[in-house]
Amino acid sequence: MYAARTTPYQGSLMIDICDLDLVGRKLEQNGLVINLTKEYYQQQVIETSQAGELLARCAIANLVGKIIVGQAIEMKLAKEASVKKISGVPFLMIFKFQNN
């Protein structure tokens, strides 16, 4: 289960997804702070299959957590080398280039 937020962005879809158990945590490392608030991240609670659909459709994805980042890598949307860790928690940003 994941906490997810979807936002229309310049005619495309932007998603923010984090592993549900991370909601409410604050990740801090070297001056970088990510607040995983329920108000921002938990617009809805989704299952793995819904996350896969959103990952396939989105133009931009901000992902936090071992499970969702792993799912994106399994879908070949990113490589392991692109994953950063903040306070030991995997973080991944994906930007898909769209040809119009």
PDB file of N, CA and C in Angstrom:
ATOM      1  N   MET A   1       0.847  -1.183   0.000  1.00  0.00           N
ATOM      2  CA  MET A   1       0.000   0.000   0.000  1.00  0.00           C
ATOM      3  C   MET A   1       0.892   1.246   0.000  1.00  0.00           C
ATOM      4  N   TYR A   2       0.409   2.240  -0.712  1.00  0.00           N
ATOM      5  CA  TYR A   2       1.154   3.478  -0.859  1.00  0.00           C
ATOM      6  C   TYR A   2       0.265   4.686  -0.574  1.00  0.00           C
ATOM      7  N   ALA A   3       0.904   5.783  -0.189  1.00  0.00           N
ATOM      8  CA  ALA A   3       0.241   7.080  -0.124  1.00  0.00           C
ATOM      9  C   ALA A   3       0.579   7.764  -1.443  1.00  0.00           C
ATOM     10  N   ALA A   4      -0.430   8.339  -2.098  1.00  0.00           N
ATOM     11  CA  ALA A   4      -0.200   8.921  -3.416  1.00  0.00           C
ATOM     12  C   ALA A   4      -0.917  10.249  -3.578  1.00  0.00           C
ATOM     13  N   ARG A   5      -0.288  11.090  -4.386  1.00  0.00           N
ATOM     14  CA  ARG A   5      -0.865  12.381  -4.755  1.00  0.00           C
ATOM     15  C   ARG A   5      -0.652  12.528  -6.255  1.00  0.00           C
ATOM     16  N   THR A   6      -1.700  12.908  -6.969  1.00  0.00           N
ATOM     17  CA  THR A   6      -1.583  13.150  -8.403  1.00  0.00           C
ATOM     18  C   THR A   6      -1.886  14.622  -8.663  1.00  0.00           C
ATOM     19  N   THR A   7      -1.132  15.201  -9.594  1.00  0.00           N
ATOM     20  CA  THR A   7      -1.284  16.614  -9.911  1.00  0.00           C
ATOM     21  C   THR A   7      -1.163  16.802 -11.420  1.00  0.00           C
ATOM     22  N   PRO A   8      -2.151  17.461 -12.041  1.00  0.00           N
ATOM     23  CA  PRO A   8      -1.965  17.805 -13.452  1.00  0.00           C
ATOM     24  C   PRO A   8      -0.829  18.826 -13.558  1.00  0.00           C
ATOM     25  N   TYR A   9       0.051  18.641 -14.522  1.00  0.00           N
ATOM     26  CA  TYR A   9       1.187  19.554 -14.664  1.00  0.00           C
ATOM     27  C   TYR A   9       1.479  19.756 -16.145  1.00  0.00           C
ATOM     28  N   GLN A  10       1.246  20.944 -16.637  1.00  0.00           N
ATOM     29  CA  GLN A  10       1.527  21.329 -18.020  1.00  0.00           C
ATOM     30  C   GLN A  10       1.014  20.293 -19.022  1.00  0.00           C
ATOM     31  N   GLY A  11      -0.231  19.891 -18.850  1.00  0.00           N
ATOM     32  CA  GLY A  11      -0.850  18.945 -19.770  1.00  0.00           C
ATOM     33  C   GLY A  11      -0.454  17.502 -19.544  1.00  0.00           C
ATOM     34  N   SER A  12       0.326  17.236 -18.503  1.00  0.00           N
ATOM     35  CA  SER A  12       0.766  15.883 -18.182  1.00  0.00           C
ATOM     36  C   SER A  12       0.355  15.545 -16.747  1.00  0.00           C
ATOM     37  N   LEU A  13       0.822  14.408 -16.272  1.00  0.00           N
ATOM     38  CA  LEU A  13       0.518  13.958 -14.923  1.00  0.00           C
ATOM     39  C   LEU A  13       1.795  13.897 -14.100  1.00  0.00           C
ATOM     40  N   MET A  14       1.771  14.528 -12.932  1.00  0.00           N
ATOM     41  CA  MET A  14       2.861  14.429 -11.974  1.00  0.00           C
ATOM     42  C   MET A  14       2.343  13.628 -10.785  1.00  0.00           C
ATOM     43  N   ILE A  15       3.154  12.687 -10.303  1.00  0.00           N
ATOM     44  CA  ILE A  15       2.746  11.888  -9.148  1.00  0.00           C
ATOM     45  C   ILE A  15       3.793  11.968  -8.045  1.00  0.00           C
ATOM     46  N   ASP A  16       3.316  11.904  -6.824  1.00  0.00           N
ATOM     47  CA  ASP A  16       4.157  11.788  -5.633  1.00  0.00           C
ATOM     48  C   ASP A  16       3.650  10.549  -4.910  1.00  0.00           C
ATOM     49  N   ILE A  17       4.519   9.565  -4.738  1.00  0.00           N
ATOM     50  CA  ILE A  17       4.114   8.329  -4.070  1.00  0.00           C
ATOM     51  C   ILE A  17       5.163   7.965  -3.035  1.00  0.00           C
ATOM     52  N   CYS A  18       4.702   7.579  -1.847  1.00  0.00           N
ATOM     53  CA  CYS A  18       5.639   7.055  -0.852  1.00  0.00           C
ATOM     54  C   CYS A  18       5.039   5.808  -0.210  1.00  0.00           C
ATOM     55  N   ASP A  19       5.916   4.954   0.280  1.00  0.00           N
ATOM     56  CA  ASP A  19       5.464   3.772   1.003  1.00  0.00           C
ATOM     57  C   ASP A  19       4.592   4.249   2.161  1.00  0.00           C
ATOM     58  N   LEU A  20       3.458   3.613   2.361  1.00  0.00           N
ATOM     59  CA  LEU A  20       2.473   4.077   3.335  1.00  0.00           C
ATOM     60  C   LEU A  20       3.044   4.180   4.752  1.00  0.00           C
ATOM     61  N   ASP A  21       3.949   3.283   5.105  1.00  0.00           N
ATOM     62  CA  ASP A  21       4.499   3.317   6.473  1.00  0.00           C
ATOM     63  C   ASP A  21       5.433   4.500   6.720  1.00  0.00           C
ATOM     64  N   LEU A  22       5.768   5.252   5.671  1.00  0.00           N
ATOM     65  CA  LEU A  22       6.644   6.421   5.835  1.00  0.00           C
ATOM     66  C   LEU A  22       5.874   7.713   6.090  1.00  0.00           C
ATOM     67  N   VAL A  23       4.565   7.689   5.868  1.00  0.00           N
ATOM     68  CA  VAL A  23       3.759   8.903   6.049  1.00  0.00           C
ATOM     69  C   VAL A  23       3.886   9.378   7.499  1.00  0.00           C
ATOM     70  N   GLY A  24       4.148  10.676   7.652  1.00  0.00           N
ATOM     71  CA  GLY A  24       4.318  11.252   8.976  1.00  0.00           C
ATOM     72  C   GLY A  24       5.768  11.396   9.400  1.00  0.00           C
ATOM     73  N   ARG A  25       6.682  10.817   8.620  1.00  0.00           N
ATOM     74  CA  ARG A  25       8.108  10.917   8.958  1.00  0.00           C
ATOM     75  C   ARG A  25       8.748  12.144   8.335  1.00  0.00           C
ATOM     76  N   LYS A  26       9.807  12.602   8.960  1.00  0.00           N
ATOM     77  CA  LYS A  26      10.630  13.686   8.424  1.00  0.00           C
ATOM     78  C   LYS A  26      12.016  13.107   8.191  1.00  0.00           C
ATOM     79  N   LEU A  27      12.480  13.178   6.952  1.00  0.00           N
ATOM     80  CA  LEU A  27      13.799  12.673   6.602  1.00  0.00           C
ATOM     81  C   LEU A  27      14.756  13.852   6.498  1.00  0.00           C
ATOM     82  N   GLU A  28      15.877  13.760   7.202  1.00  0.00           N
ATOM     83  CA  GLU A  28      16.859  14.845   7.190  1.00  0.00           C
ATOM     84  C   GLU A  28      18.251  14.280   6.992  1.00  0.00           C
ATOM     85  N   GLN A  29      19.004  14.947   6.104  1.00  0.00           N
ATOM     86  CA  GLN A  29      20.394  14.551   5.890  1.00  0.00           C
ATOM     87  C   GLN A  29      21.131  15.676   5.194  1.00  0.00           C
ATOM     88  N   ASN A  30      22.234  16.099   5.752  1.00  0.00           N
ATOM     89  CA  ASN A  30      23.096  17.138   5.159  1.00  0.00           C
ATOM     90  C   ASN A  30      22.321  18.381   4.733  1.00  0.00           C
ATOM     91  N   GLY A  31      21.421  18.834   5.569  1.00  0.00           N
ATOM     92  CA  GLY A  31      20.665  20.052   5.285  1.00  0.00           C
ATOM     93  C   GLY A  31      19.442  19.851   4.402  1.00  0.00           C
ATOM     94  N   LEU A  32      19.276  18.658   3.841  1.00  0.00           N
ATOM     95  CA  LEU A  32      18.106  18.352   3.025  1.00  0.00           C
ATOM     96  C   LEU A  32      17.021  17.772   3.928  1.00  0.00           C
ATOM     97  N   VAL A  33      15.817  18.314   3.812  1.00  0.00           N
ATOM     98  CA  VAL A  33      14.703  17.843   4.640  1.00  0.00           C
ATOM     99  C   VAL A  33      13.531  17.491   3.736  1.00  0.00           C
ATOM    100  N   ILE A  34      12.984  16.308   3.918  1.00  0.00           N
ATOM    101  CA  ILE A  34      11.759  15.916   3.223  1.00  0.00           C
ATOM    102  C   ILE A  34      10.743  15.562   4.292  1.00  0.00           C
ATOM    103  N   ASN A  35       9.642  16.299   4.302  1.00  0.00           N
ATOM    104  CA  ASN A  35       8.551  16.079   5.238  1.00  0.00           C
ATOM    105  C   ASN A  35       7.489  15.248   4.541  1.00  0.00           C
ATOM    106  N   LEU A  36       7.304  14.028   4.946  1.00  0.00           N
ATOM    107  CA  LEU A  36       6.330  13.139   4.314  1.00  0.00           C
ATOM    108  C   LEU A  36       4.979  13.269   5.026  1.00  0.00           C
ATOM    109  N   THR A  37       4.369  14.421   4.885  1.00  0.00           N
ATOM    110  CA  THR A  37       3.133  14.697   5.615  1.00  0.00           C
ATOM    111  C   THR A  37       1.935  14.001   4.973  1.00  0.00           C
ATOM    112  N   LYS A  38       1.001  13.645   5.817  1.00  0.00           N
ATOM    113  CA  LYS A  38      -0.238  13.031   5.351  1.00  0.00           C
ATOM    114  C   LYS A  38      -0.993  14.007   4.451  1.00  0.00           C
ATOM    115  N   GLU A  39      -0.955  15.287   4.812  1.00  0.00           N
ATOM    116  CA  GLU A  39      -1.674  16.313   4.051  1.00  0.00           C
ATOM    117  C   GLU A  39      -1.176  16.405   2.609  1.00  0.00           C
ATOM    118  N   TYR A  40       0.117  16.224   2.402  1.00  0.00           N
ATOM    119  CA  TYR A  40       0.661  16.329   1.050  1.00  0.00           C
ATOM    120  C   TYR A  40       0.631  14.984   0.325  1.00  0.00           C
ATOM    121  N   TYR A  41       1.227  13.976   0.913  1.00  0.00           N
ATOM    122  CA  TYR A  41       1.413  12.704   0.211  1.00  0.00           C
ATOM    123  C   TYR A  41       0.168  11.830   0.163  1.00  0.00           C
ATOM    124  N   GLN A  42      -0.697  11.908   1.149  1.00  0.00           N
ATOM    125  CA  GLN A  42      -1.782  10.941   1.237  1.00  0.00           C
ATOM    126  C   GLN A  42      -3.113  11.507   0.737  1.00  0.00           C
ATOM    127  N   GLN A  43      -3.096  11.975  -0.504  1.00  0.00           N
ATOM    128  CA  GLN A  43      -4.341  12.386  -1.153  1.00  0.00           C
ATOM    129  C   GLN A  43      -5.232  11.145  -1.282  1.00  0.00           C
ATOM    130  N   GLN A  44      -4.588   9.998  -1.511  1.00  0.00           N
ATOM    131  CA  GLN A  44      -5.296   8.727  -1.584  1.00  0.00           C
ATOM    132  C   GLN A  44      -4.342   7.602  -1.178  1.00  0.00           C
ATOM    133  N   VAL A  45      -4.909   6.462  -0.804  1.00  0.00           N
ATOM    134  CA  VAL A  45      -4.122   5.266  -0.510  1.00  0.00           C
ATOM    135  C   VAL A  45      -4.371   4.313  -1.669  1.00  0.00           C
ATOM    136  N   ILE A  46      -3.281   3.824  -2.265  1.00  0.00           N
ATOM    137  CA  ILE A  46      -3.419   2.976  -3.453  1.00  0.00           C
ATOM    138  C   ILE A  46      -2.691   1.641  -3.276  1.00  0.00           C
ATOM    139  N   GLU A  47      -3.082   0.688  -4.091  1.00  0.00           N
ATOM    140  CA  GLU A  47      -2.475  -0.645  -4.123  1.00  0.00           C
ATOM    141  C   GLU A  47      -1.325  -0.661  -5.140  1.00  0.00           C
ATOM    142  N   THR A  48      -0.583  -1.732  -5.158  1.00  0.00           N
ATOM    143  CA  THR A  48       0.550  -1.897  -6.067  1.00  0.00           C
ATOM    144  C   THR A  48       0.128  -1.755  -7.527  1.00  0.00           C
ATOM    145  N   SER A  49      -0.999  -2.355  -7.908  1.00  0.00           N
ATOM    146  CA  SER A  49      -1.438  -2.302  -9.307  1.00  0.00           C
ATOM    147  C   SER A  49      -1.762  -0.869  -9.731  1.00  0.00           C
ATOM    148  N   GLN A  50      -2.405  -0.100  -8.842  1.00  0.00           N
ATOM    149  CA  GLN A  50      -2.710   1.296  -9.149  1.00  0.00           C
ATOM    150  C   GLN A  50      -1.429   2.106  -9.280  1.00  0.00           C
ATOM    151  N   ALA A  51      -0.460   1.827  -8.431  1.00  0.00           N
ATOM    152  CA  ALA A  51       0.827   2.520  -8.506  1.00  0.00           C
ATOM    153  C   ALA A  51       1.492   2.244  -9.844  1.00  0.00           C
ATOM    154  N   GLY A  52       1.420   1.009 -10.308  1.00  0.00           N
ATOM    155  CA  GLY A  52       1.993   0.657 -11.601  1.00  0.00           C
ATOM    156  C   GLY A  52       1.349   1.423 -12.741  1.00  0.00           C
ATOM    157  N   GLU A  53       0.028   1.566 -12.683  1.00  0.00           N
ATOM    158  CA  GLU A  53      -0.692   2.319 -13.714  1.00  0.00           C
ATOM    159  C   GLU A  53      -0.267   3.785 -13.709  1.00  0.00           C
ATOM    160  N   LEU A  54      -0.163   4.371 -12.510  1.00  0.00           N
ATOM    161  CA  LEU A  54       0.259   5.773 -12.404  1.00  0.00           C
ATOM    162  C   LEU A  54       1.690   5.959 -12.887  1.00  0.00           C
ATOM    163  N   LEU A  55       2.565   5.033 -12.522  1.00  0.00           N
ATOM    164  CA  LEU A  55       3.962   5.120 -12.965  1.00  0.00           C
ATOM    165  C   LEU A  55       4.057   5.035 -14.490  1.00  0.00           C
ATOM    166  N   ALA A  56       3.231   4.203 -15.107  1.00  0.00           N
ATOM    167  CA  ALA A  56       3.248   4.063 -16.559  1.00  0.00           C
ATOM    168  C   ALA A  56       2.731   5.324 -17.258  1.00  0.00           C
ATOM    169  N   ARG A  57       1.750   6.008 -16.659  1.00  0.00           N
ATOM    170  CA  ARG A  57       1.096   7.168 -17.287  1.00  0.00           C
ATOM    171  C   ARG A  57       1.765   8.507 -17.021  1.00  0.00           C
ATOM    172  N   CYS A  58       2.489   8.625 -15.926  1.00  0.00           N
ATOM    173  CA  CYS A  58       2.974   9.934 -15.499  1.00  0.00           C
ATOM    174  C   CYS A  58       4.140  10.439 -16.355  1.00  0.00           C
ATOM    175  N   ALA A  59       4.322  11.759 -16.316  1.00  0.00           N
ATOM    176  CA  ALA A  59       5.485  12.382 -16.955  1.00  0.00           C
ATOM    177  C   ALA A  59       6.575  12.650 -15.918  1.00  0.00           C
ATOM    178  N   ILE A  60       6.138  12.892 -14.673  1.00  0.00           N
ATOM    179  CA  ILE A  60       7.062  13.184 -13.573  1.00  0.00           C
ATOM    180  C   ILE A  60       6.638  12.355 -12.368  1.00  0.00           C
ATOM    181  N   ALA A  61       7.609  11.727 -11.717  1.00  0.00           N
ATOM    182  CA  ALA A  61       7.320  10.949 -10.509  1.00  0.00           C
ATOM    183  C   ALA A  61       8.344  11.277  -9.435  1.00  0.00           C
ATOM    184  N   ASN A  62       7.846  11.519  -8.236  1.00  0.00           N
ATOM    185  CA  ASN A  62       8.689  11.690  -7.049  1.00  0.00           C
ATOM    186  C   ASN A  62       8.337  10.536  -6.130  1.00  0.00           C
ATOM    187  N   LEU A  63       9.286   9.651  -5.899  1.00  0.00           N
ATOM    188  CA  LEU A  63       9.026   8.414  -5.167  1.00  0.00           C
ATOM    189  C   LEU A  63       9.905   8.324  -3.932  1.00  0.00           C
ATOM    190  N   VAL A  64       9.304   7.930  -2.813  1.00  0.00           N
ATOM    191  CA  VAL A  64      10.050   7.786  -1.570  1.00  0.00           C
ATOM    192  C   VAL A  64       9.696   6.452  -0.939  1.00  0.00           C
ATOM    193  N   GLY A  65      10.699   5.633  -0.672  1.00  0.00           N
ATOM    194  CA  GLY A  65      10.488   4.368   0.014  1.00  0.00           C
ATOM    195  C   GLY A  65      11.014   3.185  -0.777  1.00  0.00           C
ATOM    196  N   LYS A  66      11.440   2.180  -0.065  1.00  0.00           N
ATOM    197  CA  LYS A  66      12.056   0.998  -0.659  1.00  0.00           C
ATOM    198  C   LYS A  66      11.107   0.274  -1.611  1.00  0.00           C
ATOM    199  N   ILE A  67       9.837   0.158  -1.247  1.00  0.00           N
ATOM    200  CA  ILE A  67       8.908  -0.642  -2.042  1.00  0.00           C
ATOM    201  C   ILE A  67       8.541   0.056  -3.352  1.00  0.00           C
ATOM    202  N   ILE A  68       8.144   1.330  -3.286  1.00  0.00           N
ATOM    203  CA  ILE A  68       7.747   2.038  -4.511  1.00  0.00           C
ATOM    204  C   ILE A  68       8.942   2.266  -5.430  1.00  0.00           C
ATOM    205  N   VAL A  69      10.098   2.565  -4.885  1.00  0.00           N
ATOM    206  CA  VAL A  69      11.293   2.743  -5.709  1.00  0.00           C
ATOM    207  C   VAL A  69      11.649   1.414  -6.381  1.00  0.00           C
ATOM    208  N   GLY A  70      11.541   0.326  -5.641  1.00  0.00           N
ATOM    209  CA  GLY A  70      11.788  -0.999  -6.212  1.00  0.00           C
ATOM    210  C   GLY A  70      10.833  -1.322  -7.347  1.00  0.00           C
ATOM    211  N   GLN A  71       9.573  -0.938  -7.188  1.00  0.00           N
ATOM    212  CA  GLN A  71       8.586  -1.178  -8.235  1.00  0.00           C
ATOM    213  C   GLN A  71       8.949  -0.410  -9.509  1.00  0.00           C
ATOM    214  N   ALA A  72       9.370   0.833  -9.367  1.00  0.00           N
ATOM    215  CA  ALA A  72       9.760   1.639 -10.532  1.00  0.00           C
ATOM    216  C   ALA A  72      10.971   1.025 -11.239  1.00  0.00           C
ATOM    217  N   ILE A  73      11.914   0.504 -10.482  1.00  0.00           N
ATOM    218  CA  ILE A  73      13.098  -0.120 -11.077  1.00  0.00           C
ATOM    219  C   ILE A  73      12.709  -1.412 -11.789  1.00  0.00           C
ATOM    220  N   GLU A  74      11.819  -2.202 -11.185  1.00  0.00           N
ATOM    221  CA  GLU A  74      11.328  -3.435 -11.824  1.00  0.00           C
ATOM    222  C   GLU A  74      10.625  -3.125 -13.138  1.00  0.00           C
ATOM    223  N   MET A  75       9.950  -1.972 -13.206  1.00  0.00           N
ATOM    224  CA  MET A  75       9.258  -1.563 -14.427  1.00  0.00           C
ATOM    225  C   MET A  75      10.220  -0.952 -15.447  1.00  0.00           C
ATOM    226  N   LYS A  76      11.506  -0.897 -15.101  1.00  0.00           N
ATOM    227  CA  LYS A  76      12.562  -0.344 -15.953  1.00  0.00           C
ATOM    228  C   LYS A  76      12.352   1.142 -16.258  1.00  0.00           C
ATOM    229  N   LEU A  77      11.805   1.874 -15.297  1.00  0.00           N
ATOM    230  CA  LEU A  77      11.631   3.317 -15.432  1.00  0.00           C
ATOM    231  C   LEU A  77      12.869   4.072 -14.958  1.00  0.00           C
ATOM    232  N   ALA A  78      13.741   3.383 -14.243  1.00  0.00           N
ATOM    233  CA  ALA A  78      14.977   3.981 -13.731  1.00  0.00           C
ATOM    234  C   ALA A  78      15.958   2.854 -13.432  1.00  0.00           C
ATOM    235  N   LYS A  79      17.200   3.262 -13.222  1.00  0.00           N
ATOM    236  CA  LYS A  79      18.232   2.295 -12.846  1.00  0.00           C
ATOM    237  C   LYS A  79      18.597   2.501 -11.388  1.00  0.00           C
ATOM    238  N   GLU A  80      19.082   1.464 -10.783  1.00  0.00           N
ATOM    239  CA  GLU A  80      19.481   1.498  -9.377  1.00  0.00           C
ATOM    240  C   GLU A  80      20.440   2.654  -9.093  1.00  0.00           C
ATOM    241  N   ALA A  81      21.306   2.976 -10.060  1.00  0.00           N
ATOM    242  CA  ALA A  81      22.293   4.044  -9.882  1.00  0.00           C
ATOM    243  C   ALA A  81      21.636   5.417  -9.709  1.00  0.00           C
ATOM    244  N   SER A  82      20.378   5.560 -10.129  1.00  0.00           N
ATOM    245  CA  SER A  82      19.666   6.842 -10.023  1.00  0.00           C
ATOM    246  C   SER A  82      19.047   7.059  -8.644  1.00  0.00           C
ATOM    247  N   VAL A  83      19.002   6.016  -7.837  1.00  0.00           N
ATOM    248  CA  VAL A  83      18.356   6.093  -6.522  1.00  0.00           C
ATOM    249  C   VAL A  83      19.286   6.782  -5.528  1.00  0.00           C
ATOM    250  N   LYS A  84      18.759   7.748  -4.830  1.00  0.00           N
ATOM    251  CA  LYS A  84      19.485   8.411  -3.747  1.00  0.00           C
ATOM    252  C   LYS A  84      18.888   7.933  -2.430  1.00  0.00           C
ATOM    253  N   LYS A  85      19.628   8.102  -1.360  1.00  0.00           N
ATOM    254  CA  LYS A  85      19.096   7.756  -0.039  1.00  0.00           C
ATOM    255  C   LYS A  85      19.169   8.971   0.860  1.00  0.00           C
ATOM    256  N   ILE A  86      18.091   9.209   1.563  1.00  0.00           N
ATOM    257  CA  ILE A  86      18.017  10.292   2.531  1.00  0.00           C
ATOM    258  C   ILE A  86      17.663   9.640   3.859  1.00  0.00           C
ATOM    259  N   SER A  87      18.549   9.756   4.836  1.00  0.00           N
ATOM    260  CA  SER A  87      18.382   9.070   6.128  1.00  0.00           C
ATOM    261  C   SER A  87      18.151   7.575   5.930  1.00  0.00           C
ATOM    262  N   GLY A  88      18.802   7.001   4.917  1.00  0.00           N
ATOM    263  CA  GLY A  88      18.703   5.571   4.652  1.00  0.00           C
ATOM    264  C   GLY A  88      17.461   5.162   3.869  1.00  0.00           C
ATOM    265  N   VAL A  89      16.609   6.113   3.512  1.00  0.00           N
ATOM    266  CA  VAL A  89      15.364   5.813   2.796  1.00  0.00           C
ATOM    267  C   VAL A  89      15.562   6.134   1.310  1.00  0.00           C
ATOM    268  N   PRO A  90      15.282   5.174   0.413  1.00  0.00           N
ATOM    269  CA  PRO A  90      15.430   5.413  -1.017  1.00  0.00           C
ATOM    270  C   PRO A  90      14.504   6.522  -1.520  1.00  0.00           C
ATOM    271  N   PHE A  91      15.050   7.360  -2.410  1.00  0.00           N
ATOM    272  CA  PHE A  91      14.330   8.489  -3.000  1.00  0.00           C
ATOM    273  C   PHE A  91      14.668   8.508  -4.486  1.00  0.00           C
ATOM    274  N   LEU A  92      13.661   8.666  -5.332  1.00  0.00           N
ATOM    275  CA  LEU A  92      13.881   8.633  -6.765  1.00  0.00           C
ATOM    276  C   LEU A  92      12.977   9.643  -7.455  1.00  0.00           C
ATOM    277  N   MET A  93      13.573  10.418  -8.349  1.00  0.00           N
ATOM    278  CA  MET A  93      12.801  11.346  -9.189  1.00  0.00           C
ATOM    279  C   MET A  93      12.931  10.863 -10.627  1.00  0.00           C
ATOM    280  N   ILE A  94      11.784  10.801 -11.323  1.00  0.00           N
ATOM    281  CA  ILE A  94      11.767  10.356 -12.715  1.00  0.00           C
ATOM    282  C   ILE A  94      11.137  11.464 -13.550  1.00  0.00           C
ATOM    283  N   PHE A  95      11.814  11.807 -14.639  1.00  0.00           N
ATOM    284  CA  PHE A  95      11.281  12.750 -15.619  1.00  0.00           C
ATOM    285  C   PHE A  95      11.280  12.028 -16.953  1.00  0.00           C
ATOM    286  N   LYS A  96      10.109  11.872 -17.520  1.00  0.00           N
ATOM    287  CA  LYS A  96      10.007  11.222 -18.832  1.00  0.00           C
ATOM    288  C   LYS A  96       9.914  12.309 -19.892  1.00  0.00           C
ATOM    289  N   PHE A  97      10.757  12.219 -20.882  1.00  0.00           N
ATOM    290  CA  PHE A  97      10.710  13.175 -21.979  1.00  0.00           C
ATOM    291  C   PHE A  97       9.590  12.771 -22.920  1.00  0.00           C
ATOM    292  N   GLN A  98       8.749  13.724 -23.249  1.00  0.00           N
ATOM    293  CA  GLN A  98       7.594  13.470 -24.096  1.00  0.00           C
ATOM    294  C   GLN A  98       7.832  14.108 -25.454  1.00  0.00           C
ATOM    295  N   ASN A  99       7.684  13.330 -26.505  1.00  0.00           N
ATOM    296  CA  ASN A  99       7.793  13.860 -27.872  1.00  0.00           C
ATOM    297  C   ASN A  99       6.415  14.289 -28.345  1.00  0.00           C
ATOM    298  N   ASN A 100       6.318  15.541 -28.718  1.00  0.00           N
ATOM    299  CA  ASN A 100       5.021  16.034 -29.218  1.00  0.00           C
ATOM    300  C   ASN A 100       5.118  16.360 -30.687  1.00  0.00           C
TER     301      ASN A 100
END
